[in-house]
Protein backbone atom coordinates (compact mmCIF):
# COMPACT_ATOMS: atom_id res chain seq x y z
CA MET A 1 13.76 -57.77 -16.02
CA ASP A 2 16.32 -57.27 -13.16
CA PRO A 3 14.89 -55.83 -9.96
CA ARG A 4 15.58 -52.19 -9.36
CA SER A 5 15.15 -52.20 -5.67
CA VAL A 6 15.59 -54.51 -2.71
CA TRP A 7 11.72 -54.59 -2.34
CA GLN A 8 11.39 -56.11 -5.85
CA ALA A 9 14.24 -58.46 -5.20
CA MET A 10 12.70 -59.75 -2.00
CA ALA A 11 9.51 -60.68 -3.87
CA ARG A 12 11.40 -63.10 -6.17
CA PRO A 13 12.37 -66.63 -5.24
CA GLY A 14 16.06 -66.20 -5.93
CA PHE A 15 16.57 -63.46 -3.41
CA LEU A 16 18.88 -65.41 -1.15
CA LEU A 17 21.20 -66.37 -3.91
CA SER A 18 21.38 -62.92 -5.35
CA SER A 19 23.58 -60.03 -4.38
CA TRP A 20 20.68 -58.06 -2.79
CA PRO A 21 21.13 -59.43 0.80
CA TRP A 22 24.77 -58.37 0.76
CA ARG A 23 23.83 -54.97 -0.82
CA SER A 24 21.41 -54.45 1.94
CA ALA A 25 24.06 -55.41 4.54
CA ALA A 26 26.51 -53.05 2.89
CA TYR A 27 23.97 -50.22 2.98
CA LEU A 28 23.15 -50.63 6.57
CA LEU A 29 26.79 -51.16 7.68
CA THR A 30 27.91 -47.98 5.82
CA GLY A 31 25.00 -46.25 7.28
CA ALA A 32 26.08 -47.15 10.82
CA VAL A 33 29.60 -46.03 10.17
CA ALA A 34 28.59 -42.77 8.47
CA GLY A 35 26.04 -42.04 11.13
CA ALA A 36 28.61 -42.35 13.88
CA VAL A 37 30.95 -40.07 12.01
CA VAL A 38 28.16 -37.45 11.40
CA LEU A 39 27.27 -37.58 15.06
CA MET A 40 30.84 -36.85 16.13
CA GLY A 41 30.93 -34.01 13.52
CA LEU A 42 27.73 -32.48 14.79
CA VAL A 43 28.90 -32.61 18.41
CA SER A 44 32.19 -31.10 17.36
CA ALA A 45 30.33 -28.40 15.40
CA ALA A 46 28.01 -27.61 18.26
CA VAL A 47 31.00 -27.11 20.66
CA ALA A 48 32.82 -24.94 18.16
CA GLY A 49 29.56 -23.10 17.23
CA GLY A 50 29.02 -22.23 21.03
CA LEU A 51 32.36 -20.48 21.01
CA LEU A 52 31.72 -18.78 17.59
CA THR A 53 28.41 -17.42 18.75
CA VAL A 54 30.22 -15.10 21.15
CA VAL A 55 31.99 -13.47 18.16
CA LEU A 56 29.52 -13.88 15.29
CA VAL A 57 25.88 -14.66 16.11
CA GLY A 58 24.24 -16.83 13.45
CA LEU A 59 27.40 -18.08 11.83
CA PRO A 60 27.36 -21.52 13.46
CA LEU A 61 23.79 -22.14 12.10
CA LEU A 62 24.88 -21.16 8.67
CA VAL A 63 27.97 -23.41 8.76
CA LEU A 64 25.85 -26.25 10.14
CA THR A 65 23.29 -25.84 7.36
CA ALA A 66 25.85 -25.39 4.49
CA LEU A 67 28.49 -27.89 5.69
CA ALA A 68 26.52 -30.62 7.39
CA GLY A 69 23.23 -31.03 5.61
CA LEU A 70 24.25 -30.63 2.02
CA PRO A 71 27.26 -32.97 1.79
CA VAL A 72 25.70 -35.67 3.96
CA ALA A 73 22.61 -35.57 1.93
CA TRP A 74 24.64 -35.76 -1.18
CA ALA A 75 26.45 -38.87 0.01
CA GLU A 76 23.16 -40.43 1.21
CA ARG A 77 21.68 -39.99 -2.28
CA HIS A 78 24.67 -41.91 -3.71
CA ARG A 79 24.41 -44.62 -1.08
CA LEU A 80 20.87 -45.27 -2.11
CA ARG A 81 22.15 -46.97 -5.20
CA LEU A 82 23.14 -49.95 -3.17
CA VAL A 83 19.47 -50.83 -2.54
CA ASP A 84 17.52 -48.69 -5.03
CA ARG A 85 18.70 -48.13 -8.58
CA SER A 86 16.16 -45.47 -9.32
CA PRO A 87 17.79 -42.00 -9.83
CA ALA A 88 18.06 -39.88 -6.65
CA HIS A 89 18.16 -36.27 -7.39
CA GLY A 90 18.34 -33.24 -5.02
CA GLN A 91 15.78 -30.47 -5.04
CA HIS A 92 18.16 -27.49 -4.99
CA ARG A 93 17.98 -24.57 -7.43
CA LYS A 94 20.89 -23.20 -9.28
CA PRO A 95 22.00 -19.84 -7.69
CA ALA A 96 21.21 -16.79 -9.76
CA ALA A 97 24.86 -15.52 -9.65
CA GLU A 98 28.22 -16.97 -9.09
CA GLY A 99 30.05 -16.67 -5.68
CA LEU A 100 29.89 -17.85 -2.17
CA TRP A 101 27.23 -15.43 -0.78
CA PRO A 102 24.61 -16.01 -3.60
CA TRP A 103 25.08 -19.75 -3.05
CA LEU A 104 24.56 -19.40 0.73
CA THR A 105 21.55 -17.21 0.46
CA THR A 106 19.99 -19.46 -2.14
CA ARG A 107 20.51 -22.61 -0.12
CA ALA A 108 19.35 -20.89 3.17
CA ARG A 109 15.99 -19.94 1.57
CA GLU A 110 15.25 -23.45 0.11
CA GLN A 111 13.02 -25.95 1.95
CA ALA A 112 15.17 -28.76 0.58
CA THR A 113 18.12 -27.44 2.56
CA TRP A 114 16.26 -27.55 5.82
CA ARG A 115 14.75 -31.07 5.11
CA GLU A 116 18.32 -32.25 4.49
CA LEU A 117 19.42 -30.71 7.80
CA GLY A 118 16.55 -32.33 9.64
CA TYR A 119 17.51 -35.62 7.96
CA VAL A 120 21.06 -35.25 9.20
CA VAL A 121 19.91 -34.75 12.74
CA LEU A 122 17.59 -37.71 12.56
CA PHE A 123 20.39 -39.88 10.92
CA ALA A 124 22.94 -38.96 13.58
CA GLY A 125 20.50 -39.37 16.58
CA LEU A 126 18.35 -42.35 15.57
CA LEU A 127 18.79 -44.04 12.25
CA TRP A 128 22.47 -45.19 12.46
CA PRO A 129 21.87 -47.09 15.71
CA VAL A 130 19.02 -48.93 14.09
CA ASP A 131 21.30 -49.70 11.07
CA ALA A 132 23.99 -51.08 13.55
CA LEU A 133 21.37 -53.17 15.46
CA ALA A 134 19.90 -54.65 12.28
CA VAL A 135 23.38 -55.69 11.08
CA THR A 136 24.34 -57.15 14.41
CA VAL A 137 21.19 -59.16 14.96
CA ALA A 138 20.58 -60.25 11.33
CA LEU A 139 24.08 -60.85 10.02
CA LEU A 140 26.76 -60.93 12.72
CA VAL A 141 24.92 -63.12 15.13
CA PRO A 142 23.96 -65.84 12.53
CA LEU A 143 27.53 -65.69 11.12
CA SER A 144 28.93 -66.22 14.61
CA MET A 145 26.81 -69.42 15.03
CA VAL A 146 27.68 -70.63 11.58
CA THR A 147 31.42 -70.36 12.31
CA THR A 148 31.12 -72.32 15.65
CA PRO A 149 32.91 -75.45 14.28
CA LEU A 150 35.72 -73.17 13.02
CA TRP A 151 36.08 -71.51 16.43
CA MET A 152 36.09 -74.91 18.19
CA ALA A 153 38.87 -76.09 15.88
CA THR A 154 41.13 -73.01 16.12
CA THR A 155 40.54 -71.58 19.56
CA GLY A 156 39.18 -74.36 21.70
CA GLY A 157 41.70 -77.06 20.80
CA GLY A 158 38.78 -79.25 19.60
CA GLU A 159 37.30 -79.48 23.05
CA GLU A 160 35.06 -76.43 23.45
CA ALA A 161 33.96 -73.11 21.84
CA LYS A 162 31.93 -70.18 23.08
CA VAL A 163 28.87 -69.11 21.04
CA LEU A 164 27.98 -65.53 21.43
CA LYS A 165 29.69 -65.68 24.80
CA LEU A 166 26.43 -67.18 26.15
CA TRP A 167 26.79 -70.90 25.50
CA THR A 168 29.65 -73.30 25.71
CA VAL A 169 29.86 -76.09 23.12
CA THR A 170 31.92 -79.13 24.11
CA THR A 171 31.09 -81.62 21.34
CA TRP A 172 31.39 -81.62 17.61
CA PRO A 173 27.75 -82.53 16.98
CA GLY A 174 26.71 -79.58 19.16
CA ALA A 175 29.05 -77.26 17.21
CA PHE A 176 27.61 -78.41 13.76
CA GLY A 177 24.16 -78.14 15.24
CA PHE A 178 24.70 -74.42 16.05
CA ALA A 179 26.20 -74.01 12.50
CA VAL A 180 22.97 -75.41 11.02
CA ILE A 181 20.81 -73.13 13.16
CA GLY A 182 23.07 -70.17 12.12
CA THR A 183 22.58 -71.00 8.50
CA VAL A 184 18.84 -70.89 8.84
CA LEU A 185 18.98 -67.64 10.89
CA LEU A 186 21.37 -66.24 8.20
CA GLY A 187 18.65 -66.91 5.56
CA LEU A 188 15.90 -65.33 7.70
CA GLY A 189 18.30 -62.45 8.50
CA ALA A 190 18.77 -61.73 4.79
CA TYR A 191 15.08 -60.84 4.61
CA VAL A 192 15.36 -58.82 7.86
CA LEU A 193 18.35 -56.84 6.26
CA GLY A 194 16.40 -56.32 3.06
CA GLY A 195 13.30 -55.07 4.90
CA VAL A 196 15.26 -52.66 7.11
CA ALA A 197 17.35 -51.41 4.20
CA GLY A 198 14.26 -50.93 2.05
CA ALA A 199 12.51 -48.95 4.78
CA ARG A 200 15.55 -46.85 5.45
CA ALA A 201 15.95 -46.11 1.70
CA GLU A 202 12.29 -45.07 1.46
CA LEU A 203 12.64 -42.75 4.40
CA THR A 204 15.70 -41.24 2.88
CA ARG A 205 13.92 -40.64 -0.38
CA LEU A 206 11.01 -39.08 1.36
CA LEU A 207 13.19 -36.57 3.04
CA ILE A 208 15.96 -35.66 0.65
CA ALA A 209 15.39 -37.39 -2.69
CA PRO A 210 11.58 -37.82 -3.53
CA ARG A 211 10.82 -39.95 -6.37
CA ASP A 212 9.72 -38.48 -9.69
CA SER A 213 5.96 -39.33 -9.81
CA GLY A 214 3.96 -39.33 -13.02
CA THR A 215 2.23 -36.21 -11.87
CA ASP A 216 5.49 -34.38 -11.05
CA ALA A 217 6.89 -35.39 -14.43
CA THR A 218 3.80 -34.15 -16.19
CA VAL A 219 3.92 -30.80 -14.37
CA ARG A 220 7.58 -30.23 -15.30
CA GLU A 221 6.72 -31.22 -18.94
CA LEU A 222 3.81 -28.73 -18.91
CA THR A 223 6.13 -26.07 -17.46
CA ARG A 224 8.74 -26.63 -20.10
CA SER A 225 6.15 -26.62 -22.87
CA ARG A 226 4.71 -23.41 -21.49
CA VAL A 227 8.09 -21.72 -21.58
CA ARG A 228 8.62 -22.87 -25.11
CA LEU A 229 5.24 -21.49 -26.13
CA VAL A 230 6.17 -18.16 -24.59
CA ASP A 231 9.42 -18.10 -26.46
CA ALA A 232 7.64 -18.93 -29.67
CA PHE A 233 5.00 -16.32 -29.10
CA GLU A 234 7.72 -13.72 -28.55
CA ALA A 235 9.57 -14.84 -31.68
CA GLU A 236 6.33 -14.47 -33.70
CA ARG A 237 5.79 -11.05 -32.28
CA ARG A 238 9.25 -9.98 -33.35
CA ARG A 239 8.74 -11.47 -36.84
CA ILE A 240 5.48 -9.63 -37.27
CA GLU A 241 7.10 -6.46 -36.03
CA ARG A 242 9.98 -6.85 -38.52
CA ASP A 243 7.64 -7.58 -41.34
CA LEU A 244 5.45 -4.54 -40.63
CA HIS A 245 8.58 -2.34 -40.19
CA ASP A 246 10.29 -3.45 -43.33
CA GLY A 247 7.19 -4.09 -45.51
CA ALA A 248 4.02 -2.26 -44.84
CA GLN A 249 5.59 0.80 -43.16
CA GLN A 250 7.97 1.33 -46.13
CA ARG A 251 5.12 1.02 -48.58
CA LEU A 252 3.09 3.61 -46.58
CA VAL A 253 6.07 5.95 -46.41
CA ALA A 254 6.46 5.70 -50.17
CA LEU A 255 2.62 6.22 -50.63
CA THR A 256 2.72 9.28 -48.34
CA MET A 257 5.58 10.76 -50.33
CA ALA A 258 3.89 10.10 -53.73
CA LEU A 259 0.71 11.75 -52.55
CA GLY A 260 2.74 14.73 -51.23
CA LEU A 261 4.47 15.17 -54.48
CA ALA A 262 1.23 14.81 -56.42
CA ARG A 263 -0.38 17.40 -54.06
CA LEU A 264 2.37 19.85 -54.96
CA ASP A 265 2.00 19.26 -58.64
CA ALA A 266 -1.85 19.48 -58.73
CA SER A 267 -3.58 22.68 -59.52
CA GLU A 268 -6.35 24.12 -57.53
CA GLY A 269 -9.60 22.21 -57.67
CA PRO A 270 -11.47 19.11 -56.52
CA LEU A 271 -8.49 16.81 -57.37
CA ALA A 272 -6.13 18.75 -55.20
CA GLU A 273 -8.54 18.69 -52.29
CA GLN A 274 -8.88 14.89 -52.65
CA LEU A 275 -5.08 14.59 -52.79
CA VAL A 276 -4.86 16.59 -49.62
CA LYS A 277 -7.28 14.35 -47.83
CA ALA A 278 -5.57 11.30 -49.11
CA HIS A 279 -2.16 12.55 -47.96
CA ASP A 280 -3.51 13.38 -44.47
CA GLU A 281 -5.15 9.84 -44.23
CA ALA A 282 -1.93 8.17 -45.29
CA GLY A 283 -0.01 10.21 -42.68
CA LYS A 284 -2.42 9.10 -39.97
CA ALA A 285 -2.25 5.45 -41.11
CA LEU A 286 1.54 5.72 -40.96
CA ALA A 287 1.42 7.08 -37.45
CA GLU A 288 -0.91 4.40 -36.31
CA LEU A 289 1.19 1.68 -37.86
CA ARG A 290 4.35 3.01 -36.19
CA GLU A 291 2.54 3.05 -32.80
CA LEU A 292 1.26 -0.55 -33.51
CA ILE A 293 4.91 -1.64 -34.26
CA ARG A 294 6.10 -0.02 -31.12
CA GLY A 295 3.52 -1.81 -29.15
CA ILE A 296 4.12 -5.24 -30.60
CA HIS A 297 7.90 -5.27 -29.74
CA PRO A 298 9.63 -2.00 -29.59
CA GLN A 299 13.11 -1.67 -31.16
CA VAL A 300 14.58 0.09 -28.19
CA LEU A 301 13.63 -3.02 -26.09
CA ALA A 302 15.47 -5.41 -28.46
CA ASP A 303 18.53 -3.15 -28.88
CA TYR A 304 19.01 -1.65 -25.40
CA GLY A 305 17.02 -3.63 -22.96
CA LEU A 306 14.27 -3.20 -20.42
CA GLU A 307 15.75 -0.10 -18.70
CA ALA A 308 15.87 1.93 -21.82
CA ALA A 309 12.48 0.64 -23.04
CA VAL A 310 10.81 1.65 -19.72
CA ALA A 311 12.40 5.09 -19.96
CA ASP A 312 11.00 5.42 -23.42
CA ALA A 313 7.48 4.39 -22.36
CA ALA A 314 7.72 6.91 -19.47
CA ASP A 315 8.59 9.70 -21.97
CA ARG A 316 5.44 8.82 -23.91
CA SER A 317 3.10 8.64 -20.91
CA VAL A 318 0.32 11.29 -20.50
CA VAL A 319 1.14 11.43 -16.89
CA PRO A 320 4.54 12.73 -15.71
CA VAL A 321 6.61 9.67 -14.65
CA ASP A 322 9.77 9.39 -12.53
CA VAL A 323 12.09 6.44 -13.47
CA ASP A 324 14.30 4.81 -11.15
CA MET A 325 15.77 1.64 -12.72
CA ASP A 326 18.92 -0.02 -11.50
CA LEU A 327 19.44 -3.28 -13.56
CA PRO A 328 22.81 -4.96 -13.78
CA GLY A 329 22.30 -6.12 -17.44
CA ARG A 330 20.00 -7.97 -19.89
CA PHE A 331 17.47 -10.68 -19.14
CA PRO A 332 15.84 -13.38 -21.34
CA GLN A 333 13.72 -11.86 -24.14
CA SER A 334 10.51 -13.30 -22.65
CA VAL A 335 11.19 -11.68 -19.32
CA GLU A 336 12.16 -8.31 -20.74
CA ALA A 337 9.03 -8.31 -22.93
CA ALA A 338 6.67 -9.25 -20.07
CA GLY A 339 8.23 -6.65 -17.77
CA TYR A 340 7.93 -3.97 -20.42
CA PHE A 341 4.33 -4.65 -21.32
CA VAL A 342 3.31 -4.71 -17.69
CA VAL A 343 4.91 -1.26 -17.25
CA CYS A 344 3.22 0.06 -20.35
CA GLU A 345 -0.26 -1.35 -19.32
CA ALA A 346 0.22 0.01 -15.85
CA LEU A 347 1.00 3.53 -17.08
CA ALA A 348 -1.88 3.24 -19.59
CA ASN A 349 -4.16 2.49 -16.63
CA VAL A 350 -2.74 5.41 -14.64
CA GLY A 351 -3.52 7.77 -17.51
CA ARG A 352 -7.04 6.41 -18.14
CA HIS A 353 -8.42 5.52 -14.72
CA SER A 354 -6.41 6.95 -11.77
CA GLY A 355 -6.65 10.75 -12.13
CA ALA A 356 -3.04 10.88 -10.90
CA THR A 357 -0.82 13.85 -11.40
CA ARG A 358 2.42 11.95 -11.19
CA ALA A 359 3.64 8.29 -11.37
CA ARG A 360 6.85 6.42 -10.52
CA VAL A 361 8.53 3.37 -12.03
CA SER A 362 11.29 1.65 -10.16
CA GLY A 363 13.11 -1.68 -10.79
CA GLY A 364 15.93 -3.74 -9.57
CA TYR A 365 17.42 -7.23 -9.63
CA ARG A 366 18.31 -9.19 -6.52
CA ASP A 367 18.70 -12.89 -5.47
CA GLY A 368 17.65 -14.03 -9.00
CA ARG A 369 14.40 -12.02 -9.19
CA LEU A 370 13.59 -9.05 -11.38
CA THR A 371 11.40 -6.68 -9.39
CA LEU A 372 9.33 -3.83 -10.99
CA LYS A 373 7.16 -1.29 -9.19
CA VAL A 374 4.63 1.19 -10.61
CA SER A 375 3.04 3.66 -8.33
CA ASP A 376 0.85 6.71 -8.62
CA ASP A 377 -0.81 9.43 -6.53
CA GLY A 378 -4.24 8.86 -7.96
CA ARG A 379 -7.57 8.03 -6.44
CA GLY A 380 -6.83 4.23 -6.04
CA GLY A 381 -9.43 1.60 -5.89
CA ALA A 382 -8.07 -0.59 -8.65
CA ASP A 383 -9.84 -3.97 -8.70
CA ALA A 384 -9.11 -6.89 -11.09
CA ALA A 385 -12.68 -7.95 -10.76
CA ARG A 386 -13.79 -4.77 -12.60
CA GLY A 387 -11.87 -5.57 -15.74
CA SER A 388 -9.04 -3.11 -15.11
CA GLY A 389 -6.61 -5.32 -17.05
CA LEU A 390 -4.84 -6.50 -13.90
CA THR A 391 -5.90 -10.08 -14.53
CA GLY A 392 -4.38 -10.15 -17.84
CA LEU A 393 -1.14 -8.75 -16.49
CA ALA A 394 -1.15 -11.26 -13.65
CA ASP A 395 -1.67 -14.11 -16.19
CA ARG A 396 1.14 -12.93 -18.40
CA VAL A 397 3.53 -12.77 -15.41
CA SER A 398 2.45 -16.09 -14.07
CA VAL A 399 3.49 -17.79 -17.31
CA LEU A 400 7.08 -17.08 -16.27
CA ASP A 401 6.47 -18.24 -12.69
CA GLY A 402 6.20 -14.65 -11.63
CA ARG A 403 3.93 -12.83 -9.17
CA LEU A 404 1.97 -9.68 -9.45
CA SER A 405 0.55 -7.91 -6.43
CA VAL A 406 -1.50 -4.66 -6.27
CA SER A 407 -2.12 -2.32 -3.30
CA SER A 408 -4.79 0.28 -4.21
CA PRO A 409 -6.93 1.42 -1.28
CA PRO A 410 -9.73 3.86 -1.99
CA GLY A 411 -8.27 7.30 -2.07
CA GLY A 412 -4.87 6.05 -3.16
CA PRO A 413 -2.06 5.66 -3.67
CA THR A 414 -1.73 2.64 -5.94
CA LEU A 415 1.20 0.45 -5.98
CA LEU A 416 1.75 -2.40 -8.52
CA ARG A 417 4.61 -4.81 -7.86
CA VAL A 418 5.94 -7.57 -10.18
CA GLU A 419 8.56 -10.24 -9.37
CA ILE A 420 9.90 -12.57 -12.10
CA PRO A 421 12.49 -15.23 -11.25
CA CYS A 422 15.23 -15.11 -14.05
CA GLU A 423 18.84 -15.12 -14.69
CA LEU A 424 21.02 -12.46 -16.37
CA THR A 425 21.91 -13.16 -19.92
CA GLU A 426 24.44 -10.21 -20.20
CA THR A 427 26.08 -8.16 -17.54
CA ALA A 428 26.02 -4.36 -17.60
CA ASP A 429 29.68 -4.27 -18.70
CA ARG A 430 28.90 -6.32 -21.77
CA CYS A 431 25.76 -4.37 -22.57
CA ALA A 432 27.68 -1.08 -22.34
């Protein structure tokens, strides 16, 4: 199997005859050139930034982060292919919305952006001189010694030649002796180049392109499978809701109507009384079934989205609820379902435990995160350890990489806050 990195190539006997020494030299040489260019760019940006600070404070830092760290790191990840064929990927997230400002705010909040900026500063201040030194000592010096006979024949008229401007060679045996020494040093220098290039590549990966370890791959696969399970669970909920709505509910409606007609036609007596009881029980069963269907997956949520479903839940709450939702459109079904049931459970807890006279539900979407807040003026003291249902809500939100927090001091008020990272699936214009 062909080696995938310079480290693997150096461990094999054919390293000196392979392309890896020259790939290592190319990696270090391009690094020296790129580092010098980046250094000049940073100095120029610092001078220009000092002038811009007088006009717009903070803009130079933003420009430096967006225009220096990101493109240099992108180029460095591609340069890694010279000495390491393993994929090198960035750690950036996709912005939640299109446009320059969402892109800049997303990048400014990522740790990967600041790691890349730190790498650029290290690259411009320290690493490229090391690259240049390694190429000079391990490649250029031996090559200069190897070509001593050539220099003696072309520049010294066959009488003398300067070796590294330190030694003067006046005989041909001496010239060929330097050539032999240079050849030996060139072989040793190939390993030096490979070692330095491999170390540089590992440092680059550590800062801007970490390897995909088995644990990381397992975590990502578990995350993806968890999302698939959530989607499958929501699809099954919708199927059950549809079957109950179109099947059992319709049969109960027909049974209720039949009992009602039989009740009208029956004469007074024990049979009529039994029909009255049966009709009432069928009506109660139908009402309970409709409430169950609404709890599984309300049709208003599927048809009109989270904002309308929350308003419907607030209308059915036993405690008066003020609703202030400002959502720009629709979200993934799993996100809308989780947000809706969190609000419903929170309002149910307000009605059962808080003693509140009024509650409030608010929500918004910003920077790729859906935020929902449920507050009340009750007695407070909500505690997940006492089985208030908060643990279940937190688990449901965490499946979507969301976060739930509760502030409920004794005496109130209580504030439940939910944040779920997600993307819009439809804008408000399309939903209208």
